[in-house]
Amino acid sequence: MKAVRIERYGNEDVLERAEVERPTPGVNELLVKVRAAAVNPVDWKIRDGLGDIFGLKPPLILGCEVAGTVEAVGRPIRTGLKDFVAGDEVYGYLGAYSGGYAQYVT
């Protein structure tokens, strides 16, 4: 799948297009086809080097806020996950380092 990632910290010039492996949903995870991703201050701060403080080492796919469509549902353990089905439109915050600048996320 296509993604935008960084191989090193720096300004916006370090962002690059890449082909990466499509994720597979695990237990309590959704596979979401990303339709839109936000540029959160967390993303550009990590890109600028703040990620090093948290032990995040490039290569990294940034993007902590996304909206998209559920493609698959992993094995549910929590009852709330059972409410999601393929085709549902969703949005959410994925965490500081989570890979939202890609075609798919879990």
N, C-alpha and C. Protein backbone atom coordinates (compact mmCIF):
# COMPACT_ATOMS: atom_id res chain seq x y z
N MET A 1 0.86 -1.18 0.00
CA MET A 1 0.00 0.00 0.00
C MET A 1 0.89 1.23 0.00
N LYS A 2 0.32 2.35 -0.35
CA LYS A 2 1.07 3.61 -0.38
C LYS A 2 1.00 4.28 0.99
N ALA A 3 2.09 4.95 1.34
CA ALA A 3 2.16 5.67 2.62
C ALA A 3 3.13 6.83 2.47
N VAL A 4 3.04 7.76 3.40
CA VAL A 4 4.02 8.84 3.51
C VAL A 4 4.76 8.61 4.82
N ARG A 5 6.08 8.53 4.75
CA ARG A 5 6.84 8.23 5.96
C ARG A 5 8.08 9.10 6.04
N ILE A 6 8.75 9.00 7.18
CA ILE A 6 10.03 9.68 7.36
C ILE A 6 11.10 8.62 7.62
N GLU A 7 12.27 8.84 7.06
CA GLU A 7 13.43 7.97 7.28
C GLU A 7 14.39 8.58 8.29
N ARG A 8 14.18 9.88 8.57
CA ARG A 8 15.00 10.60 9.55
C ARG A 8 14.18 11.79 10.02
N TYR A 9 14.58 12.39 11.11
CA TYR A 9 13.89 13.58 11.62
C TYR A 9 14.31 14.80 10.82
N GLY A 10 13.43 15.82 10.78
CA GLY A 10 13.75 17.05 10.08
C GLY A 10 12.49 17.83 9.73
N ASN A 11 12.65 18.78 8.79
CA ASN A 11 11.51 19.60 8.36
C ASN A 11 10.65 18.81 7.37
N GLU A 12 9.73 19.49 6.72
CA GLU A 12 8.80 18.80 5.81
C GLU A 12 9.50 18.11 4.64
N ASP A 13 10.75 18.47 4.37
CA ASP A 13 11.49 17.85 3.27
C ASP A 13 11.79 16.37 3.52
N VAL A 14 11.69 15.89 4.77
CA VAL A 14 11.99 14.49 5.06
C VAL A 14 10.80 13.56 4.78
N LEU A 15 9.63 14.12 4.50
CA LEU A 15 8.46 13.30 4.16
C LEU A 15 8.67 12.68 2.78
N GLU A 16 8.43 11.38 2.67
CA GLU A 16 8.60 10.72 1.38
C GLU A 16 7.53 9.66 1.15
N ARG A 17 7.20 9.45 -0.11
CA ARG A 17 6.25 8.40 -0.48
C ARG A 17 6.95 7.05 -0.41
N ALA A 18 6.18 6.03 0.01
CA ALA A 18 6.77 4.70 0.12
C ALA A 18 5.70 3.63 -0.09
N GLU A 19 6.14 2.46 -0.50
CA GLU A 19 5.29 1.26 -0.55
C GLU A 19 5.59 0.48 0.71
N VAL A 20 4.56 0.19 1.49
CA VAL A 20 4.73 -0.56 2.74
C VAL A 20 3.69 -1.68 2.79
N GLU A 21 3.91 -2.61 3.70
CA GLU A 21 2.99 -3.73 3.85
C GLU A 21 1.66 -3.27 4.45
N ARG A 22 0.59 -3.79 3.91
CA ARG A 22 -0.75 -3.48 4.43
C ARG A 22 -0.94 -4.20 5.77
N PRO A 23 -1.43 -3.49 6.80
CA PRO A 23 -1.60 -4.13 8.11
C PRO A 23 -2.75 -5.13 8.11
N THR A 24 -2.69 -6.06 9.04
CA THR A 24 -3.75 -7.04 9.26
C THR A 24 -4.35 -6.79 10.63
N PRO A 25 -5.67 -6.73 10.75
CA PRO A 25 -6.25 -6.45 12.06
C PRO A 25 -6.05 -7.61 13.03
N GLY A 26 -5.59 -7.27 14.23
CA GLY A 26 -5.41 -8.26 15.28
C GLY A 26 -6.63 -8.29 16.19
N VAL A 27 -6.46 -8.88 17.35
CA VAL A 27 -7.53 -8.94 18.34
C VAL A 27 -7.94 -7.53 18.72
N ASN A 28 -9.23 -7.27 18.72
CA ASN A 28 -9.79 -5.96 19.08
C ASN A 28 -9.35 -4.82 18.17
N GLU A 29 -9.02 -5.13 16.92
CA GLU A 29 -8.61 -4.09 15.98
C GLU A 29 -9.52 -4.07 14.75
N LEU A 30 -9.62 -2.90 14.16
CA LEU A 30 -10.31 -2.72 12.89
C LEU A 30 -9.28 -2.42 11.82
N LEU A 31 -9.48 -2.91 10.61
CA LEU A 31 -8.70 -2.47 9.46
C LEU A 31 -9.53 -1.39 8.79
N VAL A 32 -8.97 -0.18 8.71
CA VAL A 32 -9.69 0.97 8.17
C VAL A 32 -9.00 1.45 6.90
N LYS A 33 -9.77 1.60 5.83
CA LYS A 33 -9.27 2.23 4.61
C LYS A 33 -9.37 3.73 4.83
N VAL A 34 -8.24 4.39 4.84
CA VAL A 34 -8.17 5.81 5.19
C VAL A 34 -8.69 6.66 4.03
N ARG A 35 -9.61 7.53 4.36
CA ARG A 35 -10.12 8.49 3.38
C ARG A 35 -9.49 9.86 3.60
N ALA A 36 -9.23 10.20 4.87
CA ALA A 36 -8.62 11.49 5.20
C ALA A 36 -7.80 11.35 6.47
N ALA A 37 -6.73 12.12 6.54
CA ALA A 37 -5.88 12.17 7.74
C ALA A 37 -5.58 13.63 8.04
N ALA A 38 -5.58 13.97 9.31
CA ALA A 38 -5.30 15.34 9.74
C ALA A 38 -3.80 15.52 9.97
N VAL A 39 -3.37 16.77 9.98
CA VAL A 39 -2.00 17.09 10.38
C VAL A 39 -2.11 17.68 11.78
N ASN A 40 -1.88 16.85 12.77
CA ASN A 40 -1.95 17.22 14.17
C ASN A 40 -0.58 17.77 14.58
N PRO A 41 -0.53 18.72 15.53
CA PRO A 41 0.77 19.19 16.01
C PRO A 41 1.68 18.06 16.49
N VAL A 42 1.10 17.00 17.01
CA VAL A 42 1.91 15.84 17.43
C VAL A 42 2.70 15.30 16.25
N ASP A 43 2.08 15.24 15.08
CA ASP A 43 2.74 14.68 13.89
C ASP A 43 3.97 15.49 13.50
N TRP A 44 3.82 16.81 13.38
CA TRP A 44 4.98 17.59 12.94
C TRP A 44 6.03 17.72 14.04
N LYS A 45 5.62 17.64 15.30
CA LYS A 45 6.62 17.67 16.38
C LYS A 45 7.44 16.38 16.39
N ILE A 46 6.79 15.25 16.16
CA ILE A 46 7.54 13.99 16.05
C ILE A 46 8.47 14.06 14.85
N ARG A 47 7.97 14.55 13.71
CA ARG A 47 8.79 14.68 12.50
C ARG A 47 10.02 15.55 12.76
N ASP A 48 9.83 16.62 13.55
CA ASP A 48 10.93 17.53 13.86
C ASP A 48 11.95 16.94 14.83
N GLY A 49 11.63 15.82 15.49
CA GLY A 49 12.60 15.18 16.37
C GLY A 49 12.10 14.84 17.75
N LEU A 50 10.90 15.28 18.12
CA LEU A 50 10.36 14.98 19.44
C LEU A 50 10.16 13.48 19.63
N GLY A 51 9.97 12.76 18.55
CA GLY A 51 9.77 11.32 18.63
C GLY A 51 10.93 10.62 19.31
N ASP A 52 12.13 11.16 19.17
CA ASP A 52 13.31 10.58 19.79
C ASP A 52 13.17 10.53 21.32
N ILE A 53 12.51 11.53 21.89
CA ILE A 53 12.30 11.57 23.34
C ILE A 53 11.45 10.38 23.78
N PHE A 54 10.51 9.96 22.94
CA PHE A 54 9.61 8.86 23.27
C PHE A 54 10.13 7.51 22.78
N GLY A 55 11.35 7.49 22.26
CA GLY A 55 11.93 6.24 21.79
C GLY A 55 11.45 5.82 20.41
N LEU A 56 10.82 6.73 19.67
CA LEU A 56 10.37 6.43 18.31
C LEU A 56 11.53 6.64 17.35
N LYS A 57 11.86 5.62 16.60
CA LYS A 57 12.98 5.69 15.67
C LYS A 57 12.48 5.52 14.24
N PRO A 58 12.91 6.40 13.33
CA PRO A 58 12.54 6.22 11.92
C PRO A 58 13.06 4.89 11.39
N PRO A 59 12.43 4.31 10.38
CA PRO A 59 11.35 4.91 9.61
C PRO A 59 10.02 4.89 10.37
N LEU A 60 9.25 5.96 10.20
CA LEU A 60 7.96 6.12 10.85
C LEU A 60 6.91 6.59 9.85
N ILE A 61 5.71 6.06 9.99
CA ILE A 61 4.56 6.60 9.28
C ILE A 61 3.77 7.38 10.31
N LEU A 62 3.71 8.69 10.14
CA LEU A 62 3.00 9.54 11.08
C LEU A 62 1.51 9.54 10.78
N GLY A 63 0.77 10.34 11.54
CA GLY A 63 -0.66 10.48 11.30
C GLY A 63 -1.48 9.87 12.41
N CYS A 64 -1.93 10.71 13.34
CA CYS A 64 -2.65 10.18 14.51
C CYS A 64 -4.16 10.36 14.43
N GLU A 65 -4.66 11.12 13.45
CA GLU A 65 -6.10 11.31 13.32
C GLU A 65 -6.53 10.93 11.91
N VAL A 66 -7.51 10.04 11.82
CA VAL A 66 -7.96 9.57 10.51
C VAL A 66 -9.48 9.44 10.45
N ALA A 67 -9.97 9.40 9.23
CA ALA A 67 -11.37 9.06 8.96
C ALA A 67 -11.36 8.10 7.78
N GLY A 68 -12.26 7.13 7.81
CA GLY A 68 -12.30 6.17 6.72
C GLY A 68 -13.40 5.15 6.88
N THR A 69 -13.22 4.03 6.18
CA THR A 69 -14.23 2.98 6.13
C THR A 69 -13.65 1.68 6.65
N VAL A 70 -14.39 0.99 7.50
CA VAL A 70 -13.96 -0.30 8.03
C VAL A 70 -13.92 -1.31 6.88
N GLU A 71 -12.76 -1.94 6.69
CA GLU A 71 -12.60 -2.99 5.68
C GLU A 71 -12.74 -4.37 6.30
N ALA A 72 -12.25 -4.52 7.54
CA ALA A 72 -12.29 -5.83 8.21
C ALA A 72 -12.26 -5.60 9.72
N VAL A 73 -12.79 -6.58 10.44
CA VAL A 73 -12.82 -6.53 11.90
C VAL A 73 -12.01 -7.71 12.42
N GLY A 74 -11.03 -7.41 13.31
CA GLY A 74 -10.25 -8.47 13.93
C GLY A 74 -11.11 -9.24 14.92
N ARG A 75 -10.54 -10.28 15.49
CA ARG A 75 -11.28 -11.10 16.46
C ARG A 75 -11.66 -10.27 17.67
N PRO A 76 -12.96 -10.10 17.91
CA PRO A 76 -13.38 -9.26 19.03
C PRO A 76 -13.30 -9.98 20.38
N ILE A 77 -12.78 -9.31 21.36
CA ILE A 77 -12.79 -9.78 22.74
C ILE A 77 -13.73 -8.88 23.54
N ARG A 78 -13.60 -7.57 23.32
CA ARG A 78 -14.51 -6.62 23.97
C ARG A 78 -15.82 -6.60 23.21
N THR A 79 -16.91 -6.49 23.92
CA THR A 79 -18.22 -6.51 23.27
C THR A 79 -18.43 -5.33 22.34
N GLY A 80 -17.87 -4.16 22.63
CA GLY A 80 -18.08 -2.98 21.80
C GLY A 80 -17.59 -3.15 20.38
N LEU A 81 -16.52 -3.92 20.19
CA LEU A 81 -15.96 -4.12 18.85
C LEU A 81 -16.92 -4.92 17.97
N LYS A 82 -17.76 -5.74 18.57
CA LYS A 82 -18.71 -6.54 17.80
C LYS A 82 -19.72 -5.67 17.07
N ASP A 83 -19.84 -4.42 17.48
CA ASP A 83 -20.80 -3.52 16.85
C ASP A 83 -20.32 -2.99 15.50
N PHE A 84 -19.04 -3.16 15.17
CA PHE A 84 -18.49 -2.68 13.90
C PHE A 84 -18.58 -3.77 12.84
N VAL A 85 -18.90 -3.34 11.62
CA VAL A 85 -18.93 -4.26 10.48
C VAL A 85 -18.25 -3.57 9.29
N ALA A 86 -17.81 -4.37 8.34
CA ALA A 86 -17.21 -3.82 7.12
C ALA A 86 -18.20 -2.86 6.47
N GLY A 87 -17.68 -1.72 6.05
CA GLY A 87 -18.52 -0.69 5.42
C GLY A 87 -18.86 0.46 6.35
N ASP A 88 -18.69 0.26 7.67
CA ASP A 88 -18.95 1.36 8.61
C ASP A 88 -17.97 2.50 8.38
N GLU A 89 -18.47 3.72 8.44
CA GLU A 89 -17.60 4.90 8.36
C GLU A 89 -17.19 5.27 9.78
N VAL A 90 -15.89 5.48 9.98
CA VAL A 90 -15.36 5.74 11.32
C VAL A 90 -14.35 6.89 11.27
N TYR A 91 -14.08 7.45 12.44
CA TYR A 91 -13.01 8.42 12.60
C TYR A 91 -12.43 8.22 13.99
N GLY A 92 -11.20 8.68 14.17
CA GLY A 92 -10.64 8.52 15.51
C GLY A 92 -9.22 9.00 15.64
N TYR A 93 -8.78 9.00 16.89
CA TYR A 93 -7.41 9.33 17.26
C TYR A 93 -6.68 8.02 17.50
N LEU A 94 -5.59 7.80 16.80
CA LEU A 94 -4.90 6.52 16.83
C LEU A 94 -3.74 6.47 17.80
N GLY A 95 -3.33 7.60 18.36
CA GLY A 95 -2.16 7.63 19.23
C GLY A 95 -1.04 8.42 18.58
N ALA A 96 -0.04 8.74 19.36
CA ALA A 96 1.03 9.62 18.88
C ALA A 96 1.75 9.07 17.65
N TYR A 97 2.05 7.79 17.63
CA TYR A 97 2.67 7.20 16.45
C TYR A 97 1.76 6.07 16.00
N SER A 98 1.11 6.27 14.88
CA SER A 98 0.12 5.27 14.53
C SER A 98 -0.06 4.99 13.05
N GLY A 99 0.55 5.72 12.17
CA GLY A 99 0.52 5.37 10.76
C GLY A 99 -0.65 5.82 9.93
N GLY A 100 -1.30 6.90 10.30
CA GLY A 100 -2.47 7.38 9.58
C GLY A 100 -2.19 7.93 8.19
N TYR A 101 -0.94 8.25 7.88
CA TYR A 101 -0.61 8.75 6.55
C TYR A 101 -0.34 7.57 5.62
N ALA A 102 -1.32 6.69 5.53
CA ALA A 102 -1.22 5.50 4.69
C ALA A 102 -2.62 5.15 4.18
N GLN A 103 -2.68 4.24 3.24
CA GLN A 103 -3.98 3.86 2.69
C GLN A 103 -4.82 3.06 3.68
N TYR A 104 -4.18 2.33 4.59
CA TYR A 104 -4.88 1.52 5.58
C TYR A 104 -4.21 1.65 6.94
N VAL A 105 -5.02 1.57 8.00
CA VAL A 105 -4.50 1.55 9.37
C VAL A 105 -5.28 0.50 10.17
N THR A 106 -4.69 0.07 11.28
CA THR A 106 -5.41 -0.78 12.23
C THR A 106 -5.49 -0.05 13.56
